[in-house]
Amino acid sequence: MKREEKNMLSRQKIIENATKEFSQQGYGLSSVNTICSTGKISKGILYHYFKDKDQIYLTCIKECFDNLTNYLKENTSLDTNNVKEC
C-alpha cells in the first residue's frame, strides 16, 4: 500500500470515529480521548491530521454536508417547468 493510500485511510478512520462520537455525544460532551480509544487511533496520528477538536468537528460536518448534497443531486430532480419566477 502506498503512503498516500495509508494516509487517506488513517484520516478517514479518524473522521468516521469522530462522526460517531459527535453524533452520540454532541460537540460539548465528545472527547478526543474517546475518539482515539474507540477507533484504536493514537493521539499523535490524530493530531498529525487535525489541529484540534474544532477542526475535526468542522471536517465531520463538511463531510456530512457534502454526502447529503451529493445524495440529493443524485436522487432528486428539479422540474424547472413548475418553478415560478418571482
Protein backbone atom coordinates (compact mmCIF):
# COMPACT_ATOMS: atom_id res chain seq x y z
CA MET A 1 0.00 0.00 0.00
CA LYS A 2 1.35 3.39 -0.95
CA ARG A 3 1.95 6.07 1.68
CA GLU A 4 -0.79 8.29 0.19
CA GLU A 5 -3.36 5.48 0.44
CA LYS A 6 -2.34 4.74 4.02
CA ASN A 7 -2.62 8.43 4.94
CA MET A 8 -6.06 8.65 3.34
CA LEU A 9 -7.27 5.55 5.20
CA SER A 10 -5.94 6.83 8.53
CA ARG A 11 -7.60 10.20 8.06
CA GLN A 12 -10.89 8.57 7.01
CA LYS A 13 -10.80 6.27 10.07
CA ILE A 14 -10.43 9.33 12.31
CA ILE A 15 -13.33 11.10 10.59
CA GLU A 16 -15.60 8.04 10.86
CA ASN A 17 -14.89 7.55 14.56
CA ALA A 18 -15.20 11.27 15.27
CA THR A 19 -18.52 11.47 13.42
CA LYS A 20 -19.89 8.62 15.56
CA GLU A 21 -18.66 10.28 18.75
CA PHE A 22 -20.08 13.71 17.83
CA SER A 23 -23.42 12.23 16.76
CA GLN A 24 -23.78 10.26 20.01
CA GLN A 25 -22.40 12.81 22.50
CA GLY A 26 -22.71 16.16 20.77
CA TYR A 27 -19.77 18.50 20.45
CA GLY A 28 -19.57 19.52 24.11
CA LEU A 29 -19.50 16.04 25.63
CA SER A 30 -17.37 14.36 22.98
CA SER A 31 -13.66 13.96 23.55
CA VAL A 32 -10.54 13.36 21.53
CA ASN A 33 -9.59 10.64 24.03
CA THR A 34 -12.78 8.70 23.28
CA ILE A 35 -12.33 9.13 19.53
CA CYS A 36 -8.83 7.70 19.86
CA SER A 37 -9.70 4.84 22.18
CA THR A 38 -12.81 3.61 20.33
CA GLY A 39 -11.06 3.82 16.98
CA LYS A 40 -7.74 2.45 18.25
CA ILE A 41 -6.09 5.62 16.95
CA SER A 42 -3.05 7.18 18.57
CA LYS A 43 -3.31 10.81 19.60
CA GLY A 44 -0.16 11.53 17.65
CA ILE A 45 -1.76 10.31 14.43
CA LEU A 46 -4.94 12.26 15.15
CA TYR A 47 -3.02 15.47 15.76
CA HIS A 48 -0.90 14.81 12.68
CA TYR A 49 -4.03 15.21 10.55
CA PHE A 50 -6.04 17.68 12.64
CA LYS A 51 -5.02 20.74 14.66
CA ASP A 52 -7.66 20.34 17.37
CA LYS A 53 -11.16 19.12 18.22
CA ASP A 54 -12.71 22.09 16.39
CA GLN A 55 -11.01 21.17 13.14
CA ILE A 56 -12.08 17.53 13.47
CA TYR A 57 -15.66 18.62 14.12
CA LEU A 58 -15.76 21.03 11.18
CA THR A 59 -14.33 18.35 8.90
CA CYS A 60 -17.02 15.91 10.02
CA ILE A 61 -19.75 18.50 9.43
CA LYS A 62 -18.37 19.29 5.98
CA GLU A 63 -18.20 15.63 5.03
CA CYS A 64 -21.79 15.03 6.19
CA PHE A 65 -22.96 18.10 4.28
CA ASP A 66 -21.09 17.01 1.13
CA ASN A 67 -22.55 13.50 1.37
CA LEU A 68 -26.07 14.87 1.78
CA THR A 69 -25.62 17.28 -1.11
CA ASN A 70 -24.32 14.52 -3.39
CA TYR A 71 -27.18 12.23 -2.38
CA LEU A 72 -29.75 14.91 -3.15
CA LYS A 73 -28.16 15.68 -6.51
CA GLU A 74 -28.18 12.01 -7.47
CA ASN A 75 -31.66 11.18 -6.18
CA THR A 76 -33.78 14.23 -6.87
CA SER A 77 -34.60 16.21 -9.91
CA LEU A 78 -35.76 19.75 -10.30
CA ASP A 79 -38.61 20.21 -12.73
CA THR A 80 -37.97 23.71 -13.99
CA ASN A 81 -41.34 23.76 -15.75
CA ASN A 82 -43.09 24.01 -12.38
CA VAL A 83 -40.85 26.70 -10.94
CA LYS A 84 -42.49 30.11 -10.76
CA GLU A 85 -40.48 33.27 -11.19
CA CYS A 86 -40.85 35.92 -8.51
